Protein backbone atom coordinates (compact mmCIF):
# COMPACT_ATOMS: atom_id res chain seq x y z
CA MET A 1 -35.27 25.34 21.72
CA ASN A 2 -37.04 25.55 18.36
CA VAL A 3 -39.29 22.96 16.72
CA GLY A 4 -36.58 21.72 14.36
CA THR A 5 -34.18 20.95 17.20
CA LYS A 6 -36.91 19.20 19.18
CA VAL A 7 -37.85 17.01 16.21
CA ALA A 8 -34.19 16.13 15.53
CA LEU A 9 -33.59 15.24 19.20
CA ALA A 10 -36.79 13.18 19.34
CA VAL A 11 -35.83 11.21 16.24
CA ALA A 12 -32.27 10.68 17.56
CA ALA A 13 -33.54 9.53 20.95
CA THR A 14 -36.01 7.13 19.29
CA ALA A 15 -33.25 5.74 17.05
CA VAL A 16 -30.98 5.18 20.07
CA CYS A 17 -33.74 3.41 22.00
CA VAL A 18 -34.69 1.19 19.06
CA ALA A 19 -31.04 0.32 18.35
CA ALA A 20 -30.42 -0.46 22.04
CA VAL A 21 -33.50 -2.68 22.36
CA ILE A 22 -32.71 -4.58 19.14
CA GLY A 23 -29.07 -4.98 20.18
CA VAL A 24 -29.98 -6.36 23.61
CA LEU A 25 -32.52 -8.79 22.13
CA VAL A 26 -30.08 -10.06 19.49
CA HIS A 27 -27.33 -10.42 22.12
CA ARG A 28 -29.53 -12.38 24.51
CA ILE A 29 -30.99 -14.65 21.82
CA THR A 30 -27.57 -15.35 20.27
CA ALA A 31 -25.95 -15.96 23.65
CA GLY A 32 -28.74 -18.35 24.67
CA ASN A 33 -28.55 -20.28 21.40
CA GLN A 34 -24.75 -20.52 21.61
CA LEU A 35 -24.83 -21.82 25.17
CA ALA A 36 -27.63 -24.30 24.46
CA THR A 37 -25.77 -25.67 21.42
CA ALA A 38 -22.49 -25.96 23.35
CA ARG A 39 -24.18 -27.70 26.27
CA THR A 40 -25.96 -30.18 24.00
CA ASP A 41 -22.74 -30.99 22.16
CA LEU A 42 -20.71 -31.41 25.36
CA ASP A 43 -23.44 -33.54 26.96
CA ARG A 44 -23.44 -35.78 23.88
CA GLN A 45 -19.66 -36.14 24.21
CA LEU A 46 -20.08 -36.93 27.91
CA MET A 47 -22.53 -39.74 27.18
CA SER A 48 -20.13 -41.17 24.58
CA ALA A 49 -17.30 -40.98 27.14
CA ALA A 50 -19.49 -42.76 29.72
CA TYR A 51 -20.02 -45.64 27.26
CA ASP A 52 -16.27 -45.78 26.67
CA TYR A 53 -15.65 -45.75 30.42
CA ALA A 54 -18.08 -48.60 30.95
CA ALA A 55 -16.35 -50.57 28.18
CA ALA A 56 -12.92 -49.73 29.65
CA ARG A 57 -12.03 -47.79 26.54
CA LYS A 58 -9.87 -44.70 26.55
CA SER A 59 -11.70 -41.35 26.39
CA PRO A 60 -10.94 -37.63 26.93
CA ALA A 61 -13.11 -37.61 30.07
CA ARG A 62 -11.57 -37.39 33.53
CA VAL A 63 -12.63 -39.17 36.68
CA ASP A 64 -13.00 -37.20 39.89
CA PRO A 65 -10.89 -34.15 38.85
CA PRO A 66 -9.78 -32.04 41.82
CA ASN A 67 -10.80 -28.71 40.23
CA LEU A 68 -14.43 -29.66 39.76
CA PRO A 69 -16.61 -26.52 40.44
CA GLY A 70 -18.75 -26.67 43.55
CA PRO A 71 -22.13 -26.32 41.81
CA VAL A 72 -21.24 -29.22 39.50
CA ALA A 73 -20.16 -31.44 42.41
CA GLU A 74 -23.32 -30.61 44.33
CA ALA A 75 -25.57 -31.46 41.36
CA VAL A 76 -23.73 -34.73 40.69
CA ARG A 77 -24.05 -35.81 44.31
CA ARG A 78 -27.81 -35.55 43.86
CA GLY A 79 -27.56 -37.90 40.88
CA VAL A 80 -28.10 -35.22 38.22
CA ARG A 81 -26.23 -35.18 34.93
CA VAL A 82 -25.23 -31.55 34.58
CA THR A 83 -23.65 -29.05 32.23
CA TYR A 84 -22.32 -25.85 33.76
CA LEU A 85 -20.67 -22.67 32.42
CA GLN A 86 -17.99 -21.40 34.77
CA THR A 87 -17.15 -17.71 34.38
CA GLY A 88 -14.68 -15.62 36.31
CA ALA A 89 -11.42 -13.75 35.99
CA THR A 90 -9.99 -16.28 33.51
CA ASP A 91 -11.47 -17.60 30.28
CA PRO A 92 -14.93 -19.20 30.68
CA VAL A 93 -15.04 -23.00 30.88
CA LEU A 94 -17.96 -25.27 30.04
CA TRP A 95 -18.29 -28.41 32.26
CA ALA A 96 -20.29 -31.60 31.83
CA ALA A 97 -20.40 -34.27 34.55
CA THR A 98 -22.28 -37.42 35.46
CA ARG A 99 -22.00 -40.16 38.11
CA VAL A 100 -20.61 -43.47 36.75
CA SER A 101 -20.54 -45.31 40.10
CA ASP A 102 -21.34 -44.71 43.74
CA ARG A 103 -17.97 -43.04 44.25
CA ASN A 104 -16.77 -41.89 40.82
CA VAL A 105 -17.73 -38.88 38.72
CA LEU A 106 -16.95 -38.65 35.01
CA VAL A 107 -16.20 -35.10 33.84
CA LEU A 108 -15.65 -33.35 30.50
CA SER A 109 -14.61 -29.69 30.16
CA ARG A 110 -13.61 -27.35 27.41
CA SER A 111 -12.86 -23.67 26.96
CA TYR A 112 -15.83 -21.48 26.16
CA ALA A 113 -13.55 -18.66 24.94
CA PRO A 114 -14.35 -19.09 21.18
CA GLU A 115 -18.04 -18.57 21.86
CA ALA A 116 -17.26 -15.60 24.12
CA ARG A 117 -15.08 -14.02 21.43
CA SER A 118 -17.78 -14.62 18.81
CA LEU A 119 -20.37 -12.99 21.09
CA ALA A 120 -18.06 -10.02 21.72
CA ALA A 121 -17.57 -9.58 17.99
CA LEU A 122 -21.34 -9.68 17.52
CA ASP A 123 -21.74 -7.02 20.21
CA ARG A 124 -19.22 -4.78 18.48
CA ALA A 125 -21.03 -5.24 15.18
CA LEU A 126 -24.35 -4.45 16.84
CA VAL A 127 -22.93 -1.29 18.45
CA ALA A 128 -21.41 -0.10 15.17
CA THR A 129 -24.61 -0.84 13.26
CA GLY A 130 -26.71 0.88 15.93
CA MET A 131 -24.48 3.94 15.90
CA ALA A 132 -24.61 4.13 12.11
CA ALA A 133 -28.39 3.74 12.12
CA THR A 134 -28.67 6.40 14.84
CA VAL A 135 -26.52 8.83 12.85
CA VAL A 136 -28.54 8.25 9.68
CA ALA A 137 -31.85 8.60 11.54
CA SER A 138 -30.58 11.70 13.36
CA LEU A 139 -29.52 13.33 10.08
CA ALA A 140 -32.90 12.53 8.56
CA GLY A 141 -34.63 13.90 11.66
CA MET A 142 -32.47 17.00 11.57
CA VAL A 143 -33.34 17.63 7.92
CA LEU A 144 -37.03 17.10 8.66
CA GLY A 145 -36.86 19.20 11.82
CA VAL A 146 -35.01 22.06 10.13
CA ARG A 147 -37.55 22.08 7.32
CA MET A 148 -40.47 22.07 9.75
CA GLY A 149 -38.77 24.70 11.89
CA ARG A 150 -38.19 26.99 8.92
CA ARG A 151 -41.80 26.68 7.80
CA ALA A 152 -43.11 27.33 11.31
CA THR A 153 -40.70 30.25 11.75
CA ALA A 154 -41.79 31.74 8.43
CA ALA A 155 -45.43 31.52 9.51
CA ALA A 156 -44.62 33.08 12.89
CA ARG A 157 -42.61 35.92 11.35
CA THR A 158 -45.38 36.64 8.86
CA ALA A 159 -47.90 36.74 11.72
CA GLU A 160 -45.62 39.18 13.57
CA ARG A 161 -45.35 41.38 10.46
CA ILE A 162 -49.12 41.40 10.16
CA ALA A 163 -49.45 42.28 13.85
CA HIS A 164 -47.08 45.22 13.31
CA GLY A 165 -49.26 46.60 10.53
CA GLU A 166 -47.82 44.99 7.39
CA LEU A 167 -51.18 43.67 6.25
CA GLY A 168 -49.91 42.64 2.82
CA ALA A 169 -47.58 39.98 4.27
CA ARG A 170 -48.53 36.39 3.41
CA VAL A 171 -47.18 32.88 3.98
CA ALA A 172 -46.51 30.56 1.03
CA PRO A 173 -48.24 27.23 1.91
CA ASP A 174 -46.02 24.20 1.32
CA GLY A 175 -47.44 20.67 1.60
CA ARG A 176 -50.63 19.38 3.18
CA ASP A 177 -49.61 18.92 6.81
CA GLU A 178 -50.53 20.92 9.91
CA ILE A 179 -47.94 23.63 9.22
CA ALA A 180 -49.42 24.16 5.75
CA ARG A 181 -52.84 24.48 7.37
CA LEU A 182 -51.35 26.99 9.80
CA ALA A 183 -49.99 29.01 6.86
CA VAL A 184 -53.40 29.00 5.17
CA SER A 185 -55.02 30.07 8.46
CA VAL A 186 -52.55 32.95 8.86
CA ASN A 187 -53.28 34.12 5.31
CA THR A 188 -57.03 33.85 5.90
CA MET A 189 -56.69 35.81 9.14
CA ALA A 190 -54.64 38.49 7.37
CA ASP A 191 -57.21 38.78 4.59
CA ALA A 192 -60.07 39.11 7.07
CA LEU A 193 -58.14 41.58 9.21
CA SER A 194 -57.16 43.67 6.20
CA ALA A 195 -60.73 43.77 4.94
CA ARG A 196 -62.06 44.74 8.36
CA LEU A 197 -59.48 47.46 8.90
CA GLU A 198 -60.08 48.84 5.43
CA ALA A 199 -63.82 49.00 6.14
CA GLU A 200 -63.14 50.73 9.45
CA ARG A 201 -60.83 53.25 7.77
CA ARG A 202 -63.43 54.06 5.13
CA VAL A 203 -66.14 54.50 7.74
CA THR A 204 -63.84 56.72 9.85
CA ALA A 205 -62.89 58.86 6.86
CA ASP A 206 -66.50 59.12 5.66
CA ILE A 207 -67.74 60.15 9.09
CA ALA A 208 -64.98 62.75 9.44
CA HIS A 209 -65.74 64.20 5.99
CA GLU A 210 -69.45 64.31 6.73
CA LEU A 211 -68.83 66.07 10.07
CA ARG A 212 -66.53 68.67 8.59
CA THR A 213 -69.33 70.75 7.01
CA PRO A 214 -71.68 70.90 10.04
CA VAL A 215 -68.75 71.60 12.36
CA THR A 216 -67.70 74.51 10.15
CA ALA A 217 -71.29 75.80 10.24
CA MET A 218 -71.36 75.48 14.01
CA ALA A 219 -68.11 77.42 14.29
CA THR A 220 -69.53 80.19 12.11
CA ALA A 221 -72.77 80.26 14.11
CA SER A 222 -70.94 80.39 17.42
CA GLY A 223 -69.06 83.45 16.20
CA LEU A 224 -72.37 85.25 15.61
CA LEU A 225 -73.61 84.69 19.14
CA PRO A 226 -73.48 87.63 21.57
CA PRO A 227 -70.54 87.50 23.98
CA GLY A 228 -71.18 85.65 27.20
CA PRO A 229 -70.47 82.45 29.14
CA ALA A 230 -72.75 80.39 26.90
CA SER A 231 -71.11 81.56 23.67
CA GLN A 232 -67.64 80.97 25.13
CA LEU A 233 -68.59 77.46 26.23
CA MET A 234 -70.04 76.69 22.80
CA ALA A 235 -66.98 78.11 21.03
CA ALA A 236 -64.67 75.98 23.16
CA GLY A 237 -66.72 72.88 22.45
CA VAL A 238 -66.82 73.58 18.72
CA HIS A 239 -63.04 74.14 18.73
CA LYS A 240 -62.46 70.76 20.39
CA LEU A 241 -64.86 69.07 17.97
CA ARG A 242 -63.14 70.66 14.96
CA ALA A 243 -59.73 69.52 16.29
CA LEU A 244 -61.06 65.98 16.73
CA VAL A 245 -62.47 65.92 13.19
CA GLU A 246 -59.16 67.15 11.79
CA ASP A 247 -57.31 64.46 13.77
CA VAL A 248 -59.60 61.76 12.42
CA LEU A 249 -59.08 63.02 8.87
CA GLU A 250 -55.31 63.05 9.42
CA VAL A 251 -55.41 59.45 10.62
CA ALA A 252 -57.48 58.51 7.56
CA ARG A 253 -54.93 60.13 5.25
CA LEU A 254 -52.07 58.34 7.02
CA ASP A 255 -53.88 55.00 6.78
CA ALA A 256 -54.56 55.53 3.08
CA ASP A 257 -50.91 56.55 2.39
CA ALA A 258 -52.26 59.72 0.79
CA ALA A 259 -49.93 62.11 2.63
CA ILE A 260 -47.35 64.20 0.75
CA VAL A 261 -43.91 64.80 2.28
CA GLU A 262 -42.10 68.03 1.40
CA CYS A 263 -38.50 68.09 2.60
CA GLU A 264 -36.13 70.96 3.29
CA PRO A 265 -33.16 71.55 5.63
CA ARG A 266 -34.18 72.82 9.08
CA GLN A 267 -32.61 73.17 12.52
CA MET A 268 -33.98 70.78 15.10
CA SER A 269 -34.01 73.48 17.79
CA ALA A 270 -36.08 75.86 15.63
CA MET A 271 -38.67 73.16 14.88
CA ALA A 272 -38.86 72.19 18.56
CA ARG A 273 -39.45 75.78 19.68
CA ARG A 274 -42.15 76.38 17.06
CA ALA A 275 -43.88 73.14 18.00
CA VAL A 276 -44.44 74.19 21.64
CA THR A 277 -45.07 77.92 21.14
CA ALA A 278 -48.75 77.64 22.02
CA LEU A 279 -48.21 75.28 24.97
CA GLU A 280 -47.62 76.48 28.52
CA ALA A 281 -45.31 74.82 31.06
CA VAL A 282 -43.17 73.37 28.26
CA THR A 283 -39.43 74.10 28.20
CA VAL A 284 -37.07 73.55 25.28
CA HIS A 285 -33.45 72.69 26.17
CA VAL A 286 -30.87 72.40 23.40
CA VAL A 287 -27.91 70.19 24.31
CA ARG A 288 -26.62 70.00 20.75
CA ASP A 289 -28.28 71.33 17.63
CA ALA A 290 -28.37 69.71 14.21
CA VAL A 291 -29.63 70.49 10.72
CA VAL A 292 -31.79 67.74 9.20
CA THR A 293 -33.48 67.47 5.83
CA THR A 294 -37.08 66.62 6.56
CA ASP A 295 -40.66 67.84 6.39
CA PRO A 296 -40.71 70.52 9.13
CA ARG A 297 -44.50 70.63 9.35
CA ARG A 298 -44.68 66.97 10.20
CA VAL A 299 -41.82 67.13 12.70
CA GLU A 300 -43.52 70.02 14.46
CA ARG A 301 -46.82 68.13 14.48
CA ILE A 302 -45.08 65.15 16.09
CA LEU A 303 -43.47 67.27 18.82
CA THR A 304 -46.69 69.21 19.43
CA ASN A 305 -48.65 65.99 19.91
CA LEU A 306 -46.00 64.51 22.21
CA ALA A 307 -45.82 67.66 24.36
CA ALA A 308 -49.62 68.05 24.49
CA ASN A 309 -49.97 64.38 25.44
CA ALA A 310 -47.39 64.87 28.22
CA LEU A 311 -49.32 67.88 29.56
CA ARG A 312 -52.69 66.15 29.32
CA HIS A 313 -51.80 62.77 30.78
CA GLY A 314 -48.59 63.54 32.69
CA ALA A 315 -47.68 66.52 34.87
CA PRO A 316 -45.81 69.77 34.20
CA PRO A 317 -43.15 70.86 33.76
CA VAL A 318 -42.61 69.19 30.37
CA LEU A 319 -39.07 69.23 29.01
CA VAL A 320 -38.29 69.03 25.29
CA GLU A 321 -34.57 68.23 25.01
CA VAL A 322 -32.78 68.48 21.64
CA THR A 323 -29.63 66.38 21.26
CA GLY A 324 -28.56 66.56 17.64
CA PRO A 325 -31.08 64.69 15.47
CA GLN A 326 -32.78 63.30 18.58
CA VAL A 327 -35.54 64.96 20.63
CA CYS A 328 -36.75 63.71 24.03
CA VAL A 329 -40.07 64.80 25.52
CA ARG A 330 -40.24 64.17 29.28
CA ASP A 331 -42.82 64.92 31.96
CA ASP A 332 -43.02 64.51 35.74
CA GLY A 333 -46.28 62.56 35.81
CA PRO A 334 -46.97 58.97 36.84
CA GLY A 335 -45.68 57.62 33.52
CA PHE A 336 -47.40 55.45 30.97
CA PRO A 337 -49.81 52.85 32.43
CA PRO A 338 -48.13 49.42 32.32
CA GLU A 339 -50.75 47.90 29.99
CA LEU A 340 -50.48 50.87 27.60
CA LEU A 341 -46.67 50.79 27.68
CA VAL A 342 -46.72 47.14 26.60
CA VAL A 343 -48.87 48.09 23.60
CA LEU A 344 -46.67 51.10 22.76
CA GLN A 345 -43.47 49.04 22.84
CA ALA A 346 -44.96 46.09 20.95
CA SER A 347 -47.05 47.54 18.14
CA GLY A 348 -47.34 51.28 18.64
CA PRO A 349 -50.28 53.32 19.94
CA GLN A 350 -53.85 52.33 19.19
CA ARG A 351 -56.38 54.94 18.19
CA PHE A 352 -59.10 55.76 20.70
CA ARG A 353 -57.11 54.14 23.49
CA THR A 354 -55.15 56.15 26.05
CA GLY A 355 -55.06 53.98 29.15
CA SER A 356 -55.27 57.17 31.22
CA PRO A 357 -58.03 58.06 33.69
CA ALA A 358 -57.87 61.59 32.31
CA GLY A 359 -59.58 60.38 29.14
CA GLY A 360 -58.90 61.50 25.57
CA THR A 361 -59.25 60.11 22.07
CA GLY A 362 -55.85 58.44 21.85
CA LEU A 363 -55.26 59.92 18.39
CA GLY A 364 -52.32 62.14 19.34
CA LEU A 365 -49.75 59.35 19.63
CA THR A 366 -51.27 57.52 16.64
CA ILE A 367 -50.78 60.61 14.45
CA ALA A 368 -47.27 61.15 15.84
CA VAL A 369 -46.20 57.59 14.99
CA GLY A 370 -47.77 57.83 11.52
CA GLN A 371 -46.01 61.12 10.80
CA ALA A 372 -42.69 59.71 12.02
CA ARG A 373 -43.07 56.72 9.72
CA LEU A 374 -43.68 59.03 6.77
CA ILE A 375 -40.43 60.98 7.28
CA GLY A 376 -38.35 57.90 8.12
CA ALA A 377 -38.00 58.79 11.82
CA ARG A 378 -38.53 56.47 14.78
CA LEU A 379 -40.52 56.97 17.98
CA SER A 380 -39.96 55.05 21.20
CA PHE A 381 -41.71 55.23 24.55
CA ARG A 382 -40.66 54.32 28.08
CA ASN A 383 -41.09 55.17 31.76
CA ARG A 384 -38.06 56.79 33.37
CA PRO A 385 -36.63 55.11 36.50
CA GLU A 386 -36.79 58.43 38.37
CA GLY A 387 -40.45 58.87 37.41
CA GLY A 388 -42.40 60.28 34.50
CA ALA A 389 -42.91 59.28 30.89
CA GLU A 390 -40.43 59.79 28.04
CA ALA A 391 -40.99 59.79 24.29
CA VAL A 392 -37.93 59.88 22.02
CA LEU A 393 -38.00 61.02 18.37
CA ARG A 394 -34.94 59.89 16.40
CA MET A 395 -34.53 61.50 13.01
CA PRO A 396 -32.85 59.53 10.19
CA THR A 397 -29.07 60.01 10.10
CA GLY A 398 -28.33 58.91 6.52
CA GLU A 399 -27.67 61.09 3.51
CA PRO A 400 -29.71 64.27 3.47
CA GLY A 401 -33.19 63.50 2.23
CA SER A 402 -32.47 59.79 1.84
CA ASP A 403 -35.27 58.82 4.22
CA CYS A 404 -37.46 61.82 3.49
CA THR A 405 -39.88 60.35 0.99
CA GLY A 406 -43.60 60.31 0.62
CA THR A 407 -46.54 60.00 -1.70
């Protein structure tokens, strides 16, 4: 249930309660005033009839009527002048009685039906007025709730867009209430986050550029060393360091939207086979081939990273299955760690985070997702029920080259 619905229901419930309380109070006050007025008037008539009785004049009062209600007879026997409203299955009757001698009781009675009908009409008017007021208040609450709900939903959706990497998204503040303050806070958070990420990107790119020259020098120097275990160990380390620097530079280019996409028609099976040529224990299985217009270098980089990640953090054999414009990379390892899978499904991979005890920089999946975004493809990650991790690359299926754009 959203905020708008809750506000509308709260306003409607409050209107119903207020209308009910006011209606009950008006009913009770009106009924009490009606009965008090009727009793006073009938008691005055009874006293006039008693004077007439004492003067032997004719009056509408009756002496010792047989249908006198029990409570009235009991009160009169105690010497009390009484008025009494008799209600039951028939119309209500108002009684007034007093003792005029040791053995005689003088009684007046009249129908109380006019007052009852008037009170019933008042109740109907109160119910109709309460219902109308409730409807009006509910409509006003609904309008207010829908407006508040839309503003809160807009702020929430903007926050979600920012969380998914759309750092330019902003909320348009409207008003001066708490929701407007929330919108301003979301915008402030986005500005601070954007500035911080931009600073981190610049630092990462600057460090990678500065490392490129010394790493190249180290690679050249390692090639001049005499053959032996030490030179082989140094060459392997320099190779890993150069690969890391190149990955960091690639991430910097992706973050800065400085990558260039060059599209051409290629077979998915050919790109898949080229991507895993240098990897052992990786098998390519073509269920159905397809020709797609895309940047083949980037597709191959995506598949290489996915297969290498499966070998490093999963377990061989690794299967690369081509089904038309879709490629699945599966392994027989323990699967993605639950906490990492939540991140992958929610916002994509995070650099320098693998969630695997095997270690690693965490840049492989980051680069793969960035490359897929550039060519209009989509990457998804999951753990298979039978065991192992699965990454699925889905190429765009529109007009050739329609999603193959870049800068």
